């Protein structure tokens, strides 16, 4: 029986929690392994194609230790029969790089899934640390 999109997202969230402890394998299982898969994360330029995405995931996960994702805050979700996109805020704590103290950080993340071979696979992830309004921008707390 095919897993629902929501079940796949929950599995992806558990995989990301493992990623925060330096284990990339569960996240890599969530991704499509096709040539058009993409990843854009704060650790380097955008990667396209499974070999480059896999290497970028290995590098990014190697930067994290003793982490956990404390919450996923959904912002939006769009779904068609074969493609779905979610926008979430992820809250993490982890030791990053060579630091011995756990840091708290938030990521703004867009993830796109495609129906492949009877299940949903991640075909694009874009994560960045931009989570607050620009002081000169249109979204300034109660002014919006």
N, C-alpha and C. Protein backbone atom coordinates (compact mmCIF):
# COMPACT_ATOMS: atom_id res chain seq x y z
N UNK A 1 0.83 -1.18 0.00
CA UNK A 1 0.00 0.00 0.00
C UNK A 1 0.88 1.25 0.00
N UNK A 2 0.53 2.19 -0.83
CA UNK A 2 1.28 3.44 -0.97
C UNK A 2 1.13 4.30 0.28
N UNK A 3 2.26 4.84 0.76
CA UNK A 3 2.22 5.74 1.90
C UNK A 3 1.62 7.07 1.45
N UNK A 4 0.84 7.66 2.32
CA UNK A 4 0.28 8.98 2.01
C UNK A 4 1.39 10.02 2.07
N UNK A 5 1.12 11.17 1.47
CA UNK A 5 2.09 12.25 1.53
C UNK A 5 2.39 12.61 2.98
N UNK A 6 1.37 12.67 3.82
CA UNK A 6 1.60 13.04 5.22
C UNK A 6 2.50 12.01 5.92
N UNK A 7 2.33 10.74 5.63
CA UNK A 7 3.19 9.72 6.22
C UNK A 7 4.64 9.88 5.74
N UNK A 8 4.81 10.22 4.46
CA UNK A 8 6.15 10.42 3.91
C UNK A 8 6.79 11.65 4.55
N UNK A 9 6.03 12.72 4.76
CA UNK A 9 6.56 13.91 5.42
C UNK A 9 6.98 13.59 6.85
N UNK A 10 6.18 12.82 7.57
CA UNK A 10 6.54 12.42 8.94
C UNK A 10 7.83 11.59 8.94
N UNK A 11 7.97 10.69 7.99
CA UNK A 11 9.19 9.89 7.86
C UNK A 11 10.38 10.79 7.54
N UNK A 12 10.19 11.75 6.66
CA UNK A 12 11.22 12.73 6.29
C UNK A 12 11.64 13.54 7.52
N UNK A 13 10.69 13.94 8.34
CA UNK A 13 11.02 14.67 9.57
C UNK A 13 11.88 13.82 10.51
N UNK A 14 11.53 12.56 10.66
CA UNK A 14 12.36 11.66 11.51
C UNK A 14 13.76 11.52 10.92
N UNK A 15 13.85 11.45 9.59
CA UNK A 15 15.15 11.35 8.93
C UNK A 15 15.98 12.61 9.16
N UNK A 16 15.34 13.77 9.12
CA UNK A 16 16.06 15.02 9.37
C UNK A 16 16.58 15.08 10.80
N UNK A 17 15.83 14.51 11.73
CA UNK A 17 16.30 14.48 13.12
C UNK A 17 17.58 13.65 13.21
N UNK A 18 17.64 12.53 12.50
CA UNK A 18 18.88 11.74 12.43
C UNK A 18 20.01 12.54 11.78
N UNK A 19 19.67 13.29 10.76
CA UNK A 19 20.64 14.13 10.06
C UNK A 19 21.28 15.12 11.04
N UNK A 20 20.50 15.64 11.98
CA UNK A 20 21.01 16.61 12.96
C UNK A 20 22.05 15.99 13.89
N UNK A 21 22.14 14.67 13.89
CA UNK A 21 23.14 13.96 14.69
C UNK A 21 24.28 13.43 13.82
N UNK A 22 24.31 13.87 12.55
CA UNK A 22 25.41 13.49 11.68
C UNK A 22 25.16 12.26 10.82
N UNK A 23 23.93 11.75 10.79
CA UNK A 23 23.63 10.55 10.01
C UNK A 23 22.82 10.95 8.77
N UNK A 24 23.44 10.96 7.57
CA UNK A 24 22.72 11.38 6.37
C UNK A 24 21.86 10.29 5.72
N UNK A 25 22.07 9.04 6.09
CA UNK A 25 21.46 7.94 5.34
C UNK A 25 19.93 7.97 5.29
N UNK A 26 19.22 8.19 6.40
CA UNK A 26 17.76 8.23 6.29
C UNK A 26 17.25 9.36 5.38
N UNK A 27 17.90 10.53 5.42
CA UNK A 27 17.50 11.62 4.53
C UNK A 27 17.79 11.22 3.08
N UNK A 28 18.93 10.59 2.84
CA UNK A 28 19.27 10.18 1.49
C UNK A 28 18.24 9.19 0.93
N UNK A 29 17.66 8.38 1.81
CA UNK A 29 16.62 7.44 1.38
C UNK A 29 15.33 8.19 1.00
N UNK A 30 15.11 9.38 1.56
CA UNK A 30 13.92 10.18 1.27
C UNK A 30 14.01 10.84 -0.10
N UNK A 31 15.23 11.05 -0.59
CA UNK A 31 15.43 11.76 -1.86
C UNK A 31 15.27 10.85 -3.06
N UNK A 32 14.83 11.44 -4.15
CA UNK A 32 14.91 10.80 -5.45
C UNK A 32 16.38 10.65 -5.80
N UNK A 33 16.71 9.60 -6.53
CA UNK A 33 18.09 9.40 -6.95
C UNK A 33 18.24 9.67 -8.45
N UNK A 34 17.31 10.43 -8.99
CA UNK A 34 17.32 10.74 -10.42
C UNK A 34 18.19 11.95 -10.73
N UNK A 35 18.43 12.16 -12.03
CA UNK A 35 19.32 13.23 -12.48
C UNK A 35 18.79 14.64 -12.25
N UNK A 36 17.48 14.80 -12.05
CA UNK A 36 16.94 16.15 -11.89
C UNK A 36 16.74 16.56 -10.43
N UNK A 37 17.16 15.74 -9.47
CA UNK A 37 17.03 16.07 -8.06
C UNK A 37 17.93 17.27 -7.74
N UNK A 38 17.46 18.17 -6.83
CA UNK A 38 18.24 19.36 -6.49
C UNK A 38 18.25 19.59 -4.98
N UNK A 39 19.32 20.25 -4.54
CA UNK A 39 19.49 20.61 -3.13
C UNK A 39 20.17 21.97 -3.06
N UNK A 40 19.61 22.86 -2.25
CA UNK A 40 20.24 24.16 -1.97
C UNK A 40 20.24 24.32 -0.46
N UNK A 41 21.43 24.29 0.13
CA UNK A 41 21.52 24.43 1.58
C UNK A 41 22.58 25.47 1.94
N UNK A 42 22.65 25.87 3.21
CA UNK A 42 23.59 26.92 3.59
C UNK A 42 25.07 26.53 3.52
N UNK A 43 25.39 25.28 3.21
CA UNK A 43 26.78 24.83 3.22
C UNK A 43 27.47 24.88 1.86
N UNK A 44 26.79 25.39 0.85
CA UNK A 44 27.45 25.46 -0.44
C UNK A 44 26.47 25.81 -1.54
N UNK A 45 26.96 25.81 -2.77
CA UNK A 45 26.09 26.15 -3.90
C UNK A 45 25.05 25.05 -4.15
N UNK A 46 24.05 25.39 -4.93
CA UNK A 46 23.02 24.42 -5.29
C UNK A 46 23.64 23.23 -6.01
N UNK A 47 23.11 22.05 -5.72
CA UNK A 47 23.57 20.82 -6.35
C UNK A 47 22.43 20.23 -7.18
N UNK A 48 22.77 19.67 -8.33
CA UNK A 48 21.77 19.03 -9.20
C UNK A 48 22.30 17.67 -9.63
N UNK A 49 21.42 16.67 -9.55
CA UNK A 49 21.78 15.30 -9.91
C UNK A 49 22.17 14.53 -8.67
N UNK A 50 21.80 13.25 -8.63
CA UNK A 50 22.00 12.47 -7.41
C UNK A 50 23.45 12.43 -6.92
N UNK A 51 24.45 12.23 -7.77
CA UNK A 51 25.82 12.18 -7.22
C UNK A 51 26.21 13.46 -6.46
N UNK A 52 25.87 14.62 -7.00
CA UNK A 52 26.21 15.88 -6.33
C UNK A 52 25.36 16.12 -5.10
N UNK A 53 24.06 15.80 -5.19
CA UNK A 53 23.18 15.97 -4.02
C UNK A 53 23.62 15.05 -2.90
N UNK A 54 23.93 13.81 -3.22
CA UNK A 54 24.39 12.85 -2.20
C UNK A 54 25.65 13.35 -1.51
N UNK A 55 26.61 13.85 -2.28
CA UNK A 55 27.85 14.38 -1.70
C UNK A 55 27.57 15.61 -0.83
N UNK A 56 26.67 16.48 -1.27
CA UNK A 56 26.32 17.67 -0.48
C UNK A 56 25.64 17.28 0.82
N UNK A 57 24.80 16.25 0.79
CA UNK A 57 24.15 15.77 2.01
C UNK A 57 25.18 15.18 2.98
N UNK A 58 26.13 14.42 2.45
CA UNK A 58 27.19 13.87 3.30
C UNK A 58 27.97 14.99 3.97
N UNK A 59 28.34 16.01 3.19
CA UNK A 59 29.11 17.11 3.75
C UNK A 59 28.31 17.85 4.82
N UNK A 60 27.06 18.20 4.49
CA UNK A 60 26.24 18.96 5.45
C UNK A 60 26.04 18.17 6.74
N UNK A 61 25.73 16.90 6.65
CA UNK A 61 25.50 16.11 7.87
C UNK A 61 26.77 15.97 8.70
N UNK A 62 27.93 16.00 8.04
CA UNK A 62 29.19 15.88 8.78
C UNK A 62 29.45 17.11 9.64
N UNK A 63 28.73 18.19 9.41
CA UNK A 63 28.89 19.42 10.17
C UNK A 63 28.10 19.39 11.49
N UNK A 64 27.19 18.40 11.66
CA UNK A 64 26.30 18.35 12.83
C UNK A 64 26.66 17.20 13.75
N UNK A 65 26.52 17.47 15.08
CA UNK A 65 26.68 16.44 16.11
C UNK A 65 25.69 16.72 17.23
N UNK A 66 25.28 15.66 17.90
CA UNK A 66 24.45 15.76 19.11
C UNK A 66 23.25 16.68 18.92
N UNK A 67 22.62 16.59 17.78
CA UNK A 67 21.51 17.50 17.49
C UNK A 67 20.14 16.88 17.63
N UNK A 68 19.18 17.74 17.48
CA UNK A 68 17.78 17.32 17.37
C UNK A 68 17.01 18.45 16.73
N UNK A 69 15.95 18.09 16.06
CA UNK A 69 15.06 19.10 15.53
C UNK A 69 13.92 19.22 16.53
N UNK A 70 13.78 20.41 17.08
CA UNK A 70 12.81 20.59 18.16
C UNK A 70 11.40 20.84 17.66
N UNK A 71 11.27 21.36 16.43
CA UNK A 71 9.91 21.53 15.89
C UNK A 71 9.94 21.79 14.39
N UNK A 72 8.84 21.47 13.77
CA UNK A 72 8.56 21.79 12.38
C UNK A 72 7.27 22.61 12.40
N UNK A 73 7.35 23.83 11.90
CA UNK A 73 6.16 24.68 11.85
C UNK A 73 5.71 24.79 10.40
N UNK A 74 4.58 24.16 10.05
CA UNK A 74 4.10 24.26 8.68
C UNK A 74 3.65 25.69 8.36
N UNK A 75 3.98 26.14 7.16
CA UNK A 75 3.53 27.44 6.68
C UNK A 75 2.53 27.25 5.54
N UNK A 76 2.87 26.35 4.60
CA UNK A 76 1.98 26.10 3.47
C UNK A 76 2.25 24.71 2.91
N UNK A 77 1.22 24.15 2.27
CA UNK A 77 1.36 22.86 1.59
C UNK A 77 0.50 22.88 0.35
N UNK A 78 1.07 22.42 -0.76
CA UNK A 78 0.38 22.35 -2.04
C UNK A 78 0.57 20.94 -2.57
N UNK A 79 -0.52 20.34 -3.03
CA UNK A 79 -0.44 18.95 -3.47
C UNK A 79 -1.28 18.72 -4.72
N UNK A 80 -0.68 18.06 -5.70
CA UNK A 80 -1.39 17.55 -6.87
C UNK A 80 -1.17 16.04 -6.88
N UNK A 81 -1.76 15.31 -7.79
CA UNK A 81 -1.58 13.85 -7.76
C UNK A 81 -0.13 13.39 -7.83
N UNK A 82 0.75 14.13 -8.50
CA UNK A 82 2.13 13.67 -8.69
C UNK A 82 3.20 14.60 -8.14
N UNK A 83 2.84 15.75 -7.61
CA UNK A 83 3.82 16.71 -7.12
C UNK A 83 3.26 17.43 -5.90
N UNK A 84 4.11 17.65 -4.90
CA UNK A 84 3.69 18.35 -3.68
C UNK A 84 4.84 19.20 -3.18
N UNK A 85 4.52 20.36 -2.64
CA UNK A 85 5.51 21.26 -2.07
C UNK A 85 5.06 21.68 -0.69
N UNK A 86 6.00 21.69 0.26
CA UNK A 86 5.71 22.18 1.60
C UNK A 86 6.71 23.29 1.94
N UNK A 87 6.22 24.26 2.69
CA UNK A 87 7.07 25.32 3.24
C UNK A 87 6.95 25.21 4.74
N UNK A 88 8.09 25.08 5.42
CA UNK A 88 8.11 24.90 6.86
C UNK A 88 9.23 25.72 7.48
N UNK A 89 9.07 25.98 8.77
CA UNK A 89 10.14 26.52 9.58
C UNK A 89 10.63 25.36 10.44
N UNK A 90 11.94 25.08 10.37
CA UNK A 90 12.54 24.01 11.17
C UNK A 90 13.35 24.65 12.29
N UNK A 91 13.17 24.16 13.50
CA UNK A 91 13.96 24.64 14.64
C UNK A 91 14.89 23.51 15.08
N UNK A 92 16.19 23.80 15.11
CA UNK A 92 17.23 22.82 15.39
C UNK A 92 18.05 23.24 16.61
N UNK A 93 18.62 22.25 17.28
CA UNK A 93 19.76 22.45 18.18
C UNK A 93 20.79 21.41 17.78
N UNK A 94 22.05 21.83 17.73
CA UNK A 94 23.11 20.89 17.35
C UNK A 94 24.45 21.54 17.61
N UNK A 95 25.45 20.69 17.76
CA UNK A 95 26.84 21.16 17.73
C UNK A 95 27.20 21.25 16.25
N UNK A 96 27.63 22.42 15.84
CA UNK A 96 27.89 22.67 14.42
C UNK A 96 29.39 22.88 14.23
N UNK A 97 29.95 22.20 13.22
CA UNK A 97 31.37 22.31 12.96
C UNK A 97 32.15 21.75 14.14
N UNK A 98 33.18 22.43 14.55
CA UNK A 98 34.00 21.97 15.67
C UNK A 98 33.55 22.50 17.02
N UNK A 99 32.43 23.18 17.07
CA UNK A 99 31.98 23.77 18.33
C UNK A 99 31.56 22.70 19.32
N UNK A 100 31.81 22.96 20.59
CA UNK A 100 31.45 22.01 21.65
C UNK A 100 30.14 22.37 22.34
N UNK A 101 29.57 23.51 21.99
CA UNK A 101 28.31 23.95 22.58
C UNK A 101 27.21 23.82 21.52
N UNK A 102 26.06 23.30 21.95
CA UNK A 102 24.94 23.19 21.03
C UNK A 102 24.39 24.57 20.72
N UNK A 103 24.11 24.82 19.47
CA UNK A 103 23.54 26.08 19.02
C UNK A 103 22.08 25.86 18.64
N UNK A 104 21.27 26.88 18.84
CA UNK A 104 19.89 26.86 18.37
C UNK A 104 19.85 27.64 17.07
N UNK A 105 19.16 27.10 16.08
CA UNK A 105 18.96 27.87 14.85
C UNK A 105 17.67 27.45 14.20
N UNK A 106 17.18 28.35 13.35
CA UNK A 106 15.95 28.14 12.61
C UNK A 106 16.26 28.16 11.13
N UNK A 107 15.55 27.33 10.39
CA UNK A 107 15.69 27.30 8.94
C UNK A 107 14.34 27.49 8.29
N UNK A 108 14.33 28.24 7.21
CA UNK A 108 13.16 28.37 6.33
C UNK A 108 13.39 27.36 5.22
N UNK A 109 12.46 26.41 5.06
CA UNK A 109 12.71 25.27 4.18
C UNK A 109 11.54 25.04 3.23
N UNK A 110 11.86 24.91 1.96
CA UNK A 110 10.90 24.49 0.95
C UNK A 110 11.32 23.10 0.47
N UNK A 111 10.40 22.16 0.53
CA UNK A 111 10.66 20.79 0.09
C UNK A 111 9.61 20.40 -0.95
N UNK A 112 10.07 19.85 -2.05
CA UNK A 112 9.16 19.40 -3.11
C UNK A 112 9.31 17.90 -3.28
N UNK A 113 8.16 17.23 -3.31
CA UNK A 113 8.10 15.78 -3.46
C UNK A 113 7.43 15.44 -4.79
N UNK A 114 7.88 14.32 -5.37
CA UNK A 114 7.28 13.82 -6.61
C UNK A 114 6.89 12.36 -6.39
N UNK A 115 5.78 11.99 -6.95
CA UNK A 115 5.37 10.59 -6.89
C UNK A 115 6.25 9.80 -7.86
N UNK A 116 7.04 8.85 -7.31
CA UNK A 116 7.96 8.01 -8.09
C UNK A 116 7.86 6.58 -7.64
N UNK A 117 7.69 5.69 -8.55
CA UNK A 117 7.75 4.26 -8.27
C UNK A 117 6.88 3.86 -7.08
N UNK A 118 5.68 4.41 -7.00
CA UNK A 118 4.72 4.01 -5.98
C UNK A 118 4.85 4.72 -4.64
N UNK A 119 5.73 5.71 -4.54
CA UNK A 119 5.85 6.46 -3.29
C UNK A 119 6.22 7.90 -3.60
N UNK A 120 6.25 8.73 -2.59
CA UNK A 120 6.69 10.12 -2.73
C UNK A 120 8.18 10.20 -2.44
N UNK A 121 8.92 10.88 -3.30
CA UNK A 121 10.35 11.09 -3.11
C UNK A 121 10.64 12.59 -3.15
N UNK A 122 11.59 13.00 -2.34
CA UNK A 122 12.01 14.39 -2.29
C UNK A 122 12.81 14.69 -3.55
N UNK A 123 12.40 15.71 -4.32
CA UNK A 123 13.12 16.07 -5.53
C UNK A 123 13.80 17.43 -5.42
N UNK A 124 13.45 18.19 -4.37
CA UNK A 124 14.09 19.48 -4.16
C UNK A 124 13.96 19.88 -2.70
N UNK A 125 15.06 20.36 -2.12
CA UNK A 125 15.07 20.94 -0.78
C UNK A 125 15.89 22.22 -0.85
N UNK A 126 15.30 23.29 -0.38
CA UNK A 126 16.01 24.56 -0.25
C UNK A 126 15.86 24.99 1.20
N UNK A 127 16.98 25.16 1.90
CA UNK A 127 16.97 25.57 3.31
C UNK A 127 17.90 26.75 3.47
N UNK A 128 17.42 27.76 4.19
CA UNK A 128 18.27 28.90 4.52
C UNK A 128 17.89 29.44 5.88
N UNK A 129 18.79 30.23 6.49
CA UNK A 129 18.53 30.73 7.84
C UNK A 129 17.76 32.05 7.88
N UNK A 130 17.16 32.47 6.78
CA UNK A 130 16.44 33.74 6.76
C UNK A 130 15.03 33.51 7.32
N UNK A 131 14.83 33.90 8.59
CA UNK A 131 13.55 33.63 9.24
C UNK A 131 12.93 34.88 9.87
N UNK A 132 13.60 36.01 9.75
CA UNK A 132 13.05 37.25 10.32
C UNK A 132 12.94 38.29 9.21
N UNK A 133 12.02 39.23 9.37
CA UNK A 133 11.85 40.26 8.34
C UNK A 133 13.07 41.17 8.25
N UNK A 134 13.33 41.66 7.08
CA UNK A 134 14.37 42.67 6.89
C UNK A 134 13.87 43.96 7.53
N UNK A 135 14.71 44.71 8.22
CA UNK A 135 14.24 45.92 8.92
C UNK A 135 13.58 46.95 7.99
N UNK A 136 13.94 46.95 6.71
CA UNK A 136 13.35 47.90 5.76
C UNK A 136 12.26 47.27 4.91
N UNK A 137 11.96 45.98 5.16
CA UNK A 137 11.02 45.26 4.32
C UNK A 137 9.57 45.48 4.73
N UNK A 138 8.65 44.92 3.94
CA UNK A 138 7.23 45.13 4.18
C UNK A 138 6.67 44.35 5.37
N UNK A 139 7.39 43.31 5.84
CA UNK A 139 6.88 42.47 6.92
C UNK A 139 7.65 42.78 8.20
N UNK A 140 7.16 43.71 8.96
CA UNK A 140 7.84 44.13 10.19
C UNK A 140 6.91 43.97 11.38
N UNK A 141 6.59 42.74 11.72
CA UNK A 141 5.75 42.51 12.90
C UNK A 141 4.35 43.06 12.72
N UNK A 142 3.94 43.95 13.61
CA UNK A 142 2.56 44.45 13.59
C UNK A 142 2.27 45.40 12.44
N UNK A 143 3.32 45.84 11.71
CA UNK A 143 3.10 46.73 10.58
C UNK A 143 2.52 46.03 9.35
N UNK A 144 2.58 44.69 9.34
CA UNK A 144 2.16 43.97 8.15
C UNK A 144 0.65 43.85 8.04
